[in-house]
Amino acid sequence: MSNTDEQNRTRTSIMEWKHMHPLHQIAETPTHKLLLKQWLKEEELIHGRIVLKETQIESVRKEITMLYIFFFLFHSTTLMLLFNSSSTTATTPQCHRSWIPSLCSLVFSLGIIWAVRYKSDVEVHMEKMLLREKEDKGMLGKCVEELKKKGLEFDLLKEVDALRRAKSLRVEAKEVRKWSSRDFVSLFFFSMSCLSLAVTRVILCS
């Protein structure tokens, strides 16, 4: 009789656990409760990293825009000053001194092209990191929702191992591209630099 009573109590307790809300089940179970707290805390940390990376990417894009402005401002100002100086000085050509502004223009252009390329690489790298953080947040959010829905039916070992495998086996999809937007930008700036050198030569030698 004692064994029967004990079995009946066990069945009754199991039925009571099943009828409880999943969140109540989690609150009564230390392992599930601790796991939920850890996941919610990790979600907050990931969200903070996402906000920080978005801010950093926006800052890098502003720096790239400023480099564009400096490039065009420098060349337009240089050509304007050369044109004004050549029109006010003697009419004799100044080709023998044209290498000085040409060299300055070339050095500045190459510096800007390198800086733009470097900042573009930084932007791409940070965008990849941001995508990873968003993927991690999405996977973690799904696990949290499943835990809240299932309660004690949530298999800790199975779900946690699945989350770890998803993180470790995640492979970046690398597309083979012969040309990218950064290459076209660099080519455009190089072409503009060559055009600026040609115009400088024409102004000083005409």
N, C-alpha and C. Protein backbone atom coordinates (compact mmCIF):
# COMPACT_ATOMS: atom_id res chain seq x y z
N MET A 1 0.84 -1.20 0.00
CA MET A 1 0.00 0.00 0.00
C MET A 1 0.87 1.25 0.00
N SER A 2 1.97 1.20 0.70
CA SER A 2 2.82 2.39 0.76
C SER A 2 3.41 2.70 -0.60
N ASN A 3 3.80 1.61 -1.34
CA ASN A 3 4.35 1.84 -2.67
C ASN A 3 3.31 2.42 -3.61
N THR A 4 2.08 1.93 -3.46
CA THR A 4 1.00 2.45 -4.31
C THR A 4 0.73 3.91 -4.01
N ASP A 5 0.71 4.24 -2.71
CA ASP A 5 0.48 5.64 -2.34
C ASP A 5 1.60 6.55 -2.87
N GLU A 6 2.80 6.04 -2.78
CA GLU A 6 3.93 6.84 -3.25
C GLU A 6 3.84 7.05 -4.77
N GLN A 7 3.46 5.99 -5.50
CA GLN A 7 3.31 6.13 -6.93
C GLN A 7 2.20 7.10 -7.28
N ASN A 8 1.11 7.04 -6.52
CA ASN A 8 0.00 7.97 -6.77
C ASN A 8 0.43 9.42 -6.53
N ARG A 9 1.20 9.62 -5.44
CA ARG A 9 1.69 10.99 -5.17
C ARG A 9 2.61 11.47 -6.30
N THR A 10 3.45 10.57 -6.78
CA THR A 10 4.37 10.94 -7.86
C THR A 10 3.59 11.32 -9.12
N ARG A 11 2.59 10.51 -9.43
CA ARG A 11 1.77 10.81 -10.61
C ARG A 11 1.03 12.13 -10.44
N THR A 12 0.53 12.35 -9.22
CA THR A 12 -0.19 13.60 -8.96
C THR A 12 0.73 14.81 -9.09
N SER A 13 1.96 14.67 -8.56
CA SER A 13 2.91 15.79 -8.67
C SER A 13 3.30 16.05 -10.12
N ILE A 14 3.46 14.95 -10.88
CA ILE A 14 3.80 15.11 -12.30
C ILE A 14 2.68 15.81 -13.04
N MET A 15 1.42 15.42 -12.74
CA MET A 15 0.28 16.06 -13.38
C MET A 15 0.20 17.53 -13.00
N GLU A 16 0.50 17.83 -11.75
CA GLU A 16 0.49 19.23 -11.31
C GLU A 16 1.56 20.03 -12.05
N TRP A 17 2.75 19.46 -12.20
CA TRP A 17 3.83 20.14 -12.92
C TRP A 17 3.41 20.42 -14.37
N LYS A 18 2.74 19.42 -14.99
CA LYS A 18 2.34 19.59 -16.39
C LYS A 18 1.28 20.68 -16.55
N HIS A 19 0.41 20.83 -15.56
CA HIS A 19 -0.65 21.83 -15.66
C HIS A 19 -0.15 23.22 -15.28
N MET A 20 1.03 23.32 -14.69
CA MET A 20 1.58 24.63 -14.34
C MET A 20 2.03 25.37 -15.59
N HIS A 21 2.02 26.69 -15.52
CA HIS A 21 2.49 27.50 -16.63
C HIS A 21 4.00 27.25 -16.81
N PRO A 22 4.49 27.23 -18.07
CA PRO A 22 5.93 26.98 -18.28
C PRO A 22 6.84 27.93 -17.49
N LEU A 23 6.45 29.19 -17.36
CA LEU A 23 7.27 30.13 -16.60
C LEU A 23 7.31 29.76 -15.12
N HIS A 24 6.19 29.23 -14.60
CA HIS A 24 6.18 28.77 -13.21
C HIS A 24 7.07 27.54 -13.04
N GLN A 25 7.04 26.67 -14.05
CA GLN A 25 7.92 25.51 -14.01
C GLN A 25 9.39 25.93 -13.99
N ILE A 26 9.72 26.92 -14.82
CA ILE A 26 11.10 27.41 -14.87
C ILE A 26 11.50 28.03 -13.53
N ALA A 27 10.57 28.78 -12.94
CA ALA A 27 10.86 29.44 -11.66
C ALA A 27 11.10 28.42 -10.55
N GLU A 28 10.47 27.26 -10.65
CA GLU A 28 10.62 26.24 -9.62
C GLU A 28 11.80 25.30 -9.87
N THR A 29 12.44 25.45 -11.02
CA THR A 29 13.56 24.57 -11.37
C THR A 29 14.84 25.38 -11.44
N PRO A 30 15.81 25.14 -10.56
CA PRO A 30 17.03 25.98 -10.52
C PRO A 30 17.82 25.99 -11.83
N THR A 31 17.94 24.81 -12.47
CA THR A 31 18.75 24.74 -13.69
C THR A 31 18.13 25.56 -14.82
N HIS A 32 16.83 25.39 -15.02
CA HIS A 32 16.14 26.14 -16.08
C HIS A 32 16.11 27.64 -15.76
N LYS A 33 15.92 27.94 -14.49
CA LYS A 33 15.89 29.35 -14.08
C LYS A 33 17.24 30.02 -14.31
N LEU A 34 18.32 29.33 -13.94
CA LEU A 34 19.66 29.88 -14.13
C LEU A 34 19.98 30.04 -15.61
N LEU A 35 19.59 29.05 -16.41
CA LEU A 35 19.85 29.13 -17.85
C LEU A 35 19.10 30.29 -18.48
N LEU A 36 17.85 30.49 -18.08
CA LEU A 36 17.08 31.61 -18.62
C LEU A 36 17.71 32.94 -18.25
N LYS A 37 18.16 33.08 -17.02
CA LYS A 37 18.82 34.32 -16.60
C LYS A 37 20.09 34.57 -17.41
N GLN A 38 20.88 33.50 -17.61
CA GLN A 38 22.12 33.65 -18.37
C GLN A 38 21.84 34.06 -19.81
N TRP A 39 20.85 33.44 -20.42
CA TRP A 39 20.51 33.77 -21.81
C TRP A 39 19.98 35.19 -21.94
N LEU A 40 19.14 35.61 -21.01
CA LEU A 40 18.62 36.98 -21.06
C LEU A 40 19.74 38.00 -20.87
N LYS A 41 20.69 37.68 -19.97
CA LYS A 41 21.83 38.57 -19.77
C LYS A 41 22.71 38.62 -21.02
N GLU A 42 22.90 37.45 -21.64
CA GLU A 42 23.71 37.41 -22.87
C GLU A 42 23.02 38.16 -23.99
N GLU A 43 21.69 38.10 -24.04
CA GLU A 43 20.94 38.86 -25.04
C GLU A 43 21.17 40.36 -24.87
N GLU A 44 21.17 40.82 -23.64
CA GLU A 44 21.43 42.25 -23.39
C GLU A 44 22.84 42.63 -23.81
N LEU A 45 23.82 41.76 -23.53
CA LEU A 45 25.20 42.05 -23.93
C LEU A 45 25.33 42.10 -25.44
N ILE A 46 24.69 41.16 -26.13
CA ILE A 46 24.75 41.15 -27.59
C ILE A 46 24.09 42.40 -28.16
N HIS A 47 22.96 42.79 -27.57
CA HIS A 47 22.28 44.01 -28.03
C HIS A 47 23.17 45.23 -27.85
N GLY A 48 23.88 45.29 -26.73
CA GLY A 48 24.81 46.40 -26.52
C GLY A 48 25.94 46.42 -27.54
N ARG A 49 26.47 45.22 -27.87
CA ARG A 49 27.53 45.15 -28.89
C ARG A 49 27.01 45.54 -30.26
N ILE A 50 25.78 45.17 -30.55
CA ILE A 50 25.18 45.54 -31.85
C ILE A 50 25.04 47.06 -31.96
N VAL A 51 24.54 47.70 -30.90
CA VAL A 51 24.40 49.16 -30.92
C VAL A 51 25.76 49.83 -31.07
N LEU A 52 26.77 49.30 -30.36
CA LEU A 52 28.12 49.88 -30.44
C LEU A 52 28.69 49.74 -31.85
N LYS A 53 28.54 48.57 -32.47
CA LYS A 53 29.08 48.36 -33.81
C LYS A 53 28.34 49.21 -34.84
N GLU A 54 27.03 49.38 -34.69
CA GLU A 54 26.30 50.25 -35.60
C GLU A 54 26.79 51.69 -35.49
N THR A 55 27.06 52.13 -34.27
CA THR A 55 27.61 53.48 -34.08
C THR A 55 28.99 53.61 -34.70
N GLN A 56 29.83 52.58 -34.54
CA GLN A 56 31.18 52.61 -35.11
C GLN A 56 31.12 52.61 -36.64
N ILE A 57 30.22 51.83 -37.21
CA ILE A 57 30.09 51.80 -38.67
C ILE A 57 29.64 53.16 -39.20
N GLU A 58 28.70 53.78 -38.51
CA GLU A 58 28.25 55.11 -38.91
C GLU A 58 29.39 56.12 -38.84
N SER A 59 30.23 56.01 -37.81
CA SER A 59 31.38 56.90 -37.68
C SER A 59 32.38 56.70 -38.82
N VAL A 60 32.63 55.43 -39.19
CA VAL A 60 33.56 55.14 -40.28
C VAL A 60 33.02 55.69 -41.59
N ARG A 61 31.72 55.57 -41.81
CA ARG A 61 31.13 56.10 -43.04
C ARG A 61 31.24 57.62 -43.11
N LYS A 62 31.10 58.28 -41.98
CA LYS A 62 31.29 59.73 -41.96
C LYS A 62 32.73 60.10 -42.29
N GLU A 63 33.68 59.32 -41.76
CA GLU A 63 35.09 59.58 -42.07
C GLU A 63 35.37 59.39 -43.55
N ILE A 64 34.77 58.36 -44.17
CA ILE A 64 34.95 58.15 -45.60
C ILE A 64 34.37 59.31 -46.40
N THR A 65 33.21 59.80 -45.98
CA THR A 65 32.62 60.96 -46.65
C THR A 65 33.51 62.18 -46.54
N MET A 66 34.12 62.39 -45.38
CA MET A 66 35.03 63.52 -45.20
C MET A 66 36.25 63.38 -46.11
N LEU A 67 36.73 62.16 -46.30
CA LEU A 67 37.86 61.94 -47.21
C LEU A 67 37.48 62.30 -48.65
N TYR A 68 36.25 61.93 -49.06
CA TYR A 68 35.77 62.33 -50.38
C TYR A 68 35.79 63.85 -50.53
N ILE A 69 35.28 64.53 -49.51
CA ILE A 69 35.22 65.99 -49.54
C ILE A 69 36.61 66.60 -49.62
N PHE A 70 37.54 66.08 -48.81
CA PHE A 70 38.92 66.59 -48.82
C PHE A 70 39.56 66.40 -50.20
N PHE A 71 39.29 65.26 -50.82
CA PHE A 71 39.88 64.98 -52.12
C PHE A 71 39.45 66.01 -53.16
N PHE A 72 38.15 66.20 -53.30
CA PHE A 72 37.64 67.13 -54.31
C PHE A 72 37.94 68.58 -53.93
N LEU A 73 37.91 68.89 -52.64
CA LEU A 73 38.21 70.25 -52.21
C LEU A 73 39.67 70.60 -52.50
N PHE A 74 40.57 69.66 -52.23
CA PHE A 74 41.99 69.91 -52.47
C PHE A 74 42.27 70.15 -53.95
N HIS A 75 41.76 69.27 -54.79
CA HIS A 75 42.06 69.39 -56.22
C HIS A 75 41.39 70.62 -56.84
N SER A 76 40.15 70.89 -56.45
CA SER A 76 39.49 72.07 -57.00
C SER A 76 40.19 73.35 -56.56
N THR A 77 40.60 73.42 -55.29
CA THR A 77 41.31 74.60 -54.79
C THR A 77 42.67 74.74 -55.46
N THR A 78 43.39 73.62 -55.62
CA THR A 78 44.71 73.65 -56.25
C THR A 78 44.62 74.13 -57.70
N LEU A 79 43.68 73.58 -58.44
CA LEU A 79 43.54 73.98 -59.85
C LEU A 79 43.11 75.44 -59.98
N MET A 80 42.27 75.89 -59.07
CA MET A 80 41.83 77.28 -59.11
C MET A 80 43.00 78.22 -58.83
N LEU A 81 43.81 77.89 -57.82
CA LEU A 81 44.97 78.73 -57.49
C LEU A 81 46.00 78.72 -58.63
N LEU A 82 46.25 77.57 -59.23
CA LEU A 82 47.19 77.51 -60.34
C LEU A 82 46.71 78.31 -61.53
N PHE A 83 45.41 78.22 -61.80
CA PHE A 83 44.86 78.98 -62.92
C PHE A 83 44.97 80.48 -62.68
N ASN A 84 44.65 80.91 -61.46
CA ASN A 84 44.74 82.34 -61.14
C ASN A 84 46.18 82.83 -61.19
N SER A 85 47.11 82.02 -60.64
CA SER A 85 48.51 82.44 -60.64
C SER A 85 49.09 82.48 -62.05
N SER A 86 48.70 81.53 -62.90
CA SER A 86 49.22 81.51 -64.26
C SER A 86 48.68 82.65 -65.10
N SER A 87 47.46 83.10 -64.79
CA SER A 87 46.87 84.20 -65.55
C SER A 87 47.40 85.56 -65.12
N THR A 88 47.90 85.67 -63.88
CA THR A 88 48.40 86.95 -63.39
C THR A 88 49.90 87.11 -63.56
N THR A 89 50.64 86.02 -63.77
CA THR A 89 52.10 86.10 -63.95
C THR A 89 52.44 86.30 -65.40
N ALA A 90 53.71 86.19 -65.70
CA ALA A 90 54.16 86.40 -67.07
C ALA A 90 53.59 85.35 -68.01
N THR A 91 53.58 85.70 -69.30
CA THR A 91 52.98 84.80 -70.29
C THR A 91 53.89 83.66 -70.69
N THR A 92 55.11 83.63 -70.19
CA THR A 92 56.03 82.53 -70.53
C THR A 92 55.59 81.25 -69.85
N PRO A 93 55.66 80.12 -70.54
CA PRO A 93 55.24 78.85 -69.94
C PRO A 93 56.09 78.49 -68.72
N GLN A 94 55.49 77.78 -67.78
CA GLN A 94 56.17 77.39 -66.55
C GLN A 94 56.24 75.86 -66.43
N CYS A 95 56.50 75.21 -67.57
CA CYS A 95 56.54 73.75 -67.57
C CYS A 95 57.66 73.21 -66.70
N HIS A 96 58.75 73.95 -66.60
CA HIS A 96 59.88 73.45 -65.82
C HIS A 96 59.58 73.38 -64.33
N ARG A 97 58.54 74.09 -63.90
CA ARG A 97 58.15 74.03 -62.48
C ARG A 97 56.85 73.25 -62.26
N SER A 98 56.34 72.65 -63.30
CA SER A 98 55.05 71.96 -63.17
C SER A 98 55.15 70.68 -62.35
N TRP A 99 56.38 70.13 -62.21
CA TRP A 99 56.52 68.88 -61.47
C TRP A 99 56.26 69.06 -59.98
N ILE A 100 56.45 70.30 -59.46
CA ILE A 100 56.24 70.53 -58.03
C ILE A 100 54.77 70.36 -57.64
N PRO A 101 53.83 71.12 -58.27
CA PRO A 101 52.42 70.90 -57.92
C PRO A 101 51.93 69.51 -58.34
N SER A 102 52.51 68.98 -59.43
CA SER A 102 52.09 67.64 -59.87
C SER A 102 52.46 66.59 -58.84
N LEU A 103 53.68 66.71 -58.30
CA LEU A 103 54.12 65.75 -57.28
C LEU A 103 53.28 65.87 -56.01
N CYS A 104 53.00 67.10 -55.58
CA CYS A 104 52.16 67.30 -54.39
C CYS A 104 50.77 66.72 -54.59
N SER A 105 50.22 66.96 -55.78
CA SER A 105 48.89 66.43 -56.08
C SER A 105 48.88 64.91 -56.10
N LEU A 106 49.95 64.32 -56.67
CA LEU A 106 50.02 62.87 -56.74
C LEU A 106 50.14 62.25 -55.35
N VAL A 107 51.02 62.81 -54.52
CA VAL A 107 51.21 62.28 -53.17
C VAL A 107 49.92 62.39 -52.37
N PHE A 108 49.25 63.55 -52.45
CA PHE A 108 48.00 63.72 -51.71
C PHE A 108 46.94 62.74 -52.21
N SER A 109 46.85 62.57 -53.54
CA SER A 109 45.84 61.67 -54.11
C SER A 109 46.06 60.23 -53.67
N LEU A 110 47.33 59.79 -53.71
CA LEU A 110 47.62 58.42 -53.29
C LEU A 110 47.32 58.22 -51.80
N GLY A 111 47.60 59.26 -51.00
CA GLY A 111 47.28 59.17 -49.58
C GLY A 111 45.79 59.05 -49.33
N ILE A 112 45.01 59.83 -50.05
CA ILE A 112 43.55 59.76 -49.89
C ILE A 112 43.01 58.43 -50.38
N ILE A 113 43.53 57.94 -51.52
CA ILE A 113 43.07 56.65 -52.05
C ILE A 113 43.38 55.53 -51.05
N TRP A 114 44.57 55.54 -50.46
CA TRP A 114 44.91 54.52 -49.45
C TRP A 114 44.00 54.63 -48.24
N ALA A 115 43.74 55.87 -47.77
CA ALA A 115 42.89 56.07 -46.59
C ALA A 115 41.47 55.60 -46.85
N VAL A 116 40.95 55.90 -48.04
CA VAL A 116 39.59 55.46 -48.39
C VAL A 116 39.52 53.95 -48.45
N ARG A 117 40.53 53.34 -49.06
CA ARG A 117 40.55 51.89 -49.15
C ARG A 117 40.63 51.25 -47.77
N TYR A 118 41.47 51.80 -46.91
CA TYR A 118 41.62 51.26 -45.55
C TYR A 118 40.31 51.39 -44.77
N LYS A 119 39.68 52.56 -44.83
CA LYS A 119 38.43 52.77 -44.11
C LYS A 119 37.31 51.88 -44.67
N SER A 120 37.33 51.65 -45.98
CA SER A 120 36.34 50.76 -46.58
C SER A 120 36.51 49.34 -46.09
N ASP A 121 37.78 48.89 -45.97
CA ASP A 121 38.03 47.55 -45.43
C ASP A 121 37.56 47.43 -43.98
N VAL A 122 37.80 48.49 -43.21
CA VAL A 122 37.33 48.51 -41.82
C VAL A 122 35.80 48.43 -41.77
N GLU A 123 35.15 49.16 -42.65
CA GLU A 123 33.68 49.14 -42.68
C GLU A 123 33.15 47.76 -43.02
N VAL A 124 33.75 47.11 -44.02
CA VAL A 124 33.31 45.76 -44.42
C VAL A 124 33.52 44.77 -43.27
N HIS A 125 34.68 44.86 -42.61
CA HIS A 125 34.97 43.96 -41.49
C HIS A 125 33.96 44.15 -40.35
N MET A 126 33.65 45.39 -40.04
CA MET A 126 32.71 45.66 -38.96
C MET A 126 31.29 45.24 -39.34
N GLU A 127 30.94 45.35 -40.61
CA GLU A 127 29.62 44.89 -41.06
C GLU A 127 29.49 43.38 -40.92
N LYS A 128 30.58 42.65 -41.20
CA LYS A 128 30.56 41.19 -41.01
C LYS A 128 30.40 40.84 -39.53
N MET A 129 31.12 41.57 -38.67
CA MET A 129 30.99 41.32 -37.23
C MET A 129 29.58 41.65 -36.75
N LEU A 130 28.99 42.72 -37.28
CA LEU A 130 27.62 43.08 -36.91
C LEU A 130 26.64 42.00 -37.35
N LEU A 131 26.85 41.44 -38.53
CA LEU A 131 25.98 40.37 -39.02
C LEU A 131 26.07 39.14 -38.12
N ARG A 132 27.29 38.82 -37.66
CA ARG A 132 27.45 37.69 -36.74
C ARG A 132 26.71 37.92 -35.44
N GLU A 133 26.83 39.13 -34.90
CA GLU A 133 26.15 39.45 -33.64
C GLU A 133 24.63 39.33 -33.81
N LYS A 134 24.11 39.79 -34.94
CA LYS A 134 22.67 39.70 -35.18
C LYS A 134 22.22 38.25 -35.33
N GLU A 135 23.06 37.43 -35.97
CA GLU A 135 22.73 36.01 -36.09
C GLU A 135 22.74 35.34 -34.72
N ASP A 136 23.75 35.66 -33.89
CA ASP A 136 23.80 35.11 -32.54
C ASP A 136 22.58 35.53 -31.73
N LYS A 137 22.19 36.79 -31.87
CA LYS A 137 21.02 37.28 -31.14
C LYS A 137 19.76 36.57 -31.60
N GLY A 138 19.66 36.32 -32.91
CA GLY A 138 18.49 35.61 -33.43
C GLY A 138 18.41 34.19 -32.91
N MET A 139 19.54 33.47 -32.93
CA MET A 139 19.55 32.09 -32.43
C MET A 139 19.25 32.04 -30.94
N LEU A 140 19.85 32.95 -30.19
CA LEU A 140 19.63 32.98 -28.75
C LEU A 140 18.18 33.35 -28.43
N GLY A 141 17.62 34.27 -29.21
CA GLY A 141 16.22 34.65 -29.00
C GLY A 141 15.27 33.49 -29.23
N LYS A 142 15.57 32.66 -30.25
CA LYS A 142 14.74 31.48 -30.50
C LYS A 142 14.81 30.49 -29.34
N CYS A 143 16.01 30.29 -28.79
CA CYS A 143 16.16 29.37 -27.66
C CYS A 143 15.41 29.89 -26.43
N VAL A 144 15.47 31.19 -26.20
CA VAL A 144 14.75 31.77 -25.05
C VAL A 144 13.25 31.58 -25.21
N GLU A 145 12.75 31.81 -26.43
CA GLU A 145 11.31 31.63 -26.67
C GLU A 145 10.89 30.18 -26.48
N GLU A 146 11.73 29.25 -26.97
CA GLU A 146 11.41 27.83 -26.79
C GLU A 146 11.42 27.44 -25.33
N LEU A 147 12.37 27.97 -24.58
CA LEU A 147 12.44 27.67 -23.15
C LEU A 147 11.21 28.19 -22.42
N LYS A 148 10.77 29.40 -22.76
CA LYS A 148 9.59 29.98 -22.12
C LYS A 148 8.31 29.22 -22.49
N LYS A 149 8.26 28.68 -23.70
CA LYS A 149 7.07 27.96 -24.14
C LYS A 149 7.00 26.54 -23.56
N LYS A 150 8.16 25.85 -23.53
CA LYS A 150 8.16 24.44 -23.15
C LYS A 150 8.31 24.21 -21.66
N GLY A 151 8.99 25.12 -20.97
CA GLY A 151 9.17 24.90 -19.54
C GLY A 151 10.07 23.71 -19.28
N LEU A 152 9.59 22.75 -18.45
CA LEU A 152 10.38 21.57 -18.12
C LEU A 152 10.54 20.62 -19.30
N GLU A 153 9.70 20.74 -20.31
CA GLU A 153 9.83 19.89 -21.49
C GLU A 153 11.01 20.32 -22.37
N PHE A 154 11.59 21.45 -22.05
CA PHE A 154 12.74 21.94 -22.80
C PHE A 154 13.95 21.09 -22.44
N ASP A 155 14.52 20.44 -23.45
CA ASP A 155 15.67 19.55 -23.25
C ASP A 155 16.94 20.41 -23.21
N LEU A 156 17.52 20.57 -22.01
CA LEU A 156 18.67 21.45 -21.86
C LEU A 156 19.86 20.97 -22.69
N LEU A 157 20.21 19.71 -22.57
CA LEU A 157 21.39 19.20 -23.26
C LEU A 157 21.23 19.30 -24.77
N LYS A 158 20.07 18.93 -25.26
CA LYS A 158 19.84 18.93 -26.70
C LYS A 158 19.87 20.33 -27.27
N GLU A 159 19.14 21.26 -26.63
CA GLU A 159 19.03 22.62 -27.16
C GLU A 159 20.34 23.38 -27.02
N VAL A 160 21.02 23.23 -25.88
CA VAL A 160 22.29 23.93 -25.69
C VAL A 160 23.35 23.41 -26.65
N ASP A 161 23.39 22.09 -26.86
CA ASP A 161 24.34 21.53 -27.82
C ASP A 161 24.03 22.01 -29.23
N ALA A 162 22.74 22.11 -29.56
CA ALA A 162 22.36 22.60 -30.89
C ALA A 162 22.81 24.05 -31.09
N LEU A 163 22.68 24.85 -30.03
CA LEU A 163 23.11 26.26 -30.11
C LEU A 163 24.63 26.34 -30.28
N ARG A 164 25.36 25.51 -29.54
CA ARG A 164 26.82 25.52 -29.66
C ARG A 164 27.27 25.06 -31.03
N ARG A 165 26.61 24.02 -31.57
CA ARG A 165 26.97 23.54 -32.90
C ARG A 165 26.68 24.59 -33.96
N ALA A 166 25.55 25.29 -33.78
CA ALA A 166 25.20 26.33 -34.76
C ALA A 166 26.24 27.44 -34.78
N LYS A 167 26.81 27.76 -33.60
CA LYS A 167 27.84 28.79 -33.53
C LYS A 167 29.17 28.30 -34.09
N SER A 168 29.53 27.04 -33.76
CA SER A 168 30.85 26.53 -34.16
C SER A 168 30.89 26.13 -35.63
N LEU A 169 29.78 25.65 -36.15
CA LEU A 169 29.75 25.19 -37.54
C LEU A 169 29.30 26.25 -38.52
N ARG A 170 29.04 27.44 -38.01
CA ARG A 170 28.60 28.51 -38.89
C ARG A 170 29.77 28.91 -39.80
N VAL A 171 29.55 28.83 -41.07
CA VAL A 171 30.59 29.13 -42.05
C VAL A 171 30.17 30.36 -42.83
N GLU A 172 31.10 31.25 -42.97
CA GLU A 172 30.84 32.47 -43.73
C GLU A 172 30.73 32.13 -45.20
N ALA A 173 29.67 32.63 -45.81
CA ALA A 173 29.51 32.45 -47.25
C ALA A 173 30.35 33.49 -47.97
N LYS A 174 31.37 33.01 -48.65
CA LYS A 174 32.28 33.91 -49.34
C LYS A 174 31.98 33.88 -50.83
N GLU A 175 31.60 35.01 -51.34
CA GLU A 175 31.32 35.12 -52.76
C GLU A 175 32.59 35.55 -53.48
N VAL A 176 32.90 34.84 -54.56
CA VAL A 176 34.08 35.19 -55.35
C VAL A 176 33.70 36.32 -56.29
N ARG A 177 34.29 37.46 -56.08
CA ARG A 177 34.01 38.62 -56.91
C ARG A 177 35.30 39.14 -57.53
N LYS A 178 35.25 39.35 -58.83
CA LYS A 178 36.41 39.92 -59.49
C LYS A 178 36.52 41.41 -59.19
N TRP A 179 35.38 42.05 -59.10
CA TRP A 179 35.36 43.49 -58.83
C TRP A 179 34.36 43.77 -57.73
N SER A 180 34.69 44.72 -56.90
CA SER A 180 33.79 45.15 -55.84
C SER A 180 33.62 46.66 -55.94
N SER A 181 32.69 47.17 -55.15
CA SER A 181 32.44 48.62 -55.17
C SER A 181 33.66 49.40 -54.71
N ARG A 182 34.45 48.80 -53.80
CA ARG A 182 35.67 49.48 -53.33
C ARG A 182 36.69 49.61 -54.45
N ASP A 183 36.76 48.60 -55.32
CA ASP A 183 37.68 48.67 -56.46
C ASP A 183 37.28 49.78 -57.42
N PHE A 184 35.99 49.92 -57.67
CA PHE A 184 35.52 50.98 -58.56
C PHE A 184 35.76 52.36 -57.96
N VAL A 185 35.60 52.48 -56.64
CA VAL A 185 35.87 53.75 -55.99
C VAL A 185 37.34 54.12 -56.11
N SER A 186 38.22 53.14 -55.86
CA SER A 186 39.66 53.39 -55.99
C SER A 186 40.02 53.76 -57.42
N LEU A 187 39.44 53.05 -58.39
CA LEU A 187 39.70 53.35 -59.79
C LEU A 187 39.21 54.74 -60.17
N PHE A 188 38.06 55.13 -59.64
CA PHE A 188 37.52 56.46 -59.91
C PHE A 188 38.45 57.55 -59.37
N PHE A 189 38.91 57.38 -58.13
CA PHE A 189 39.79 58.38 -57.54
C PHE A 189 41.13 58.43 -58.28
N PHE A 190 41.63 57.29 -58.71
CA PHE A 190 42.88 57.28 -59.47
C PHE A 190 42.70 58.00 -60.80
N SER A 191 41.56 57.78 -61.45
CA SER A 191 41.29 58.46 -62.71
C SER A 191 41.18 59.97 -62.51
N MET A 192 40.52 60.37 -61.43
CA MET A 192 40.41 61.80 -61.13
C MET A 192 41.78 62.40 -60.83
N SER A 193 42.65 61.64 -60.20
CA SER A 193 44.00 62.12 -59.91
C SER A 193 44.79 62.33 -61.20
N CYS A 194 44.68 61.37 -62.11
CA CYS A 194 45.36 61.52 -63.40
C CYS A 194 44.81 62.71 -64.17
N LEU A 195 43.49 62.90 -64.14
CA LEU A 195 42.89 64.05 -64.81
C LEU A 195 43.38 65.36 -64.21
N SER A 196 43.51 65.39 -62.88
CA SER A 196 44.01 66.59 -62.21
C SER A 196 45.45 66.89 -62.61
N LEU A 197 46.27 65.84 -62.74
CA LEU A 197 47.66 66.04 -63.18
C LEU A 197 47.71 66.58 -64.60
N ALA A 198 46.84 66.06 -65.47
CA ALA A 198 46.81 66.53 -66.85
C ALA A 198 46.37 67.99 -66.93
N VAL A 199 45.34 68.35 -66.14
CA VAL A 199 44.88 69.74 -66.14
C VAL A 199 45.95 70.67 -65.58
N THR A 200 46.66 70.23 -64.55
CA THR A 200 47.75 71.04 -63.99
C THR A 200 48.82 71.28 -65.04
N ARG A 201 49.15 70.25 -65.80
CA ARG A 201 50.15 70.39 -66.87
C ARG A 201 49.68 71.37 -67.93
N VAL A 202 48.44 71.29 -68.29
CA VAL A 202 47.89 72.17 -69.32
C VAL A 202 47.90 73.63 -68.84
N ILE A 203 47.50 73.84 -67.57
CA ILE A 203 47.45 75.20 -67.05
C ILE A 203 48.82 75.84 -67.01
N LEU A 204 49.82 75.07 -66.58
CA LEU A 204 51.16 75.65 -66.42
C LEU A 204 51.92 75.74 -67.74
N CYS A 205 51.57 74.94 -68.72
CA CYS A 205 52.33 74.91 -69.97
C CYS A 205 51.62 75.61 -71.12
N SER A 206 50.39 76.01 -70.93
CA SER A 206 49.67 76.63 -72.03
C SER A 206 50.06 78.09 -72.18
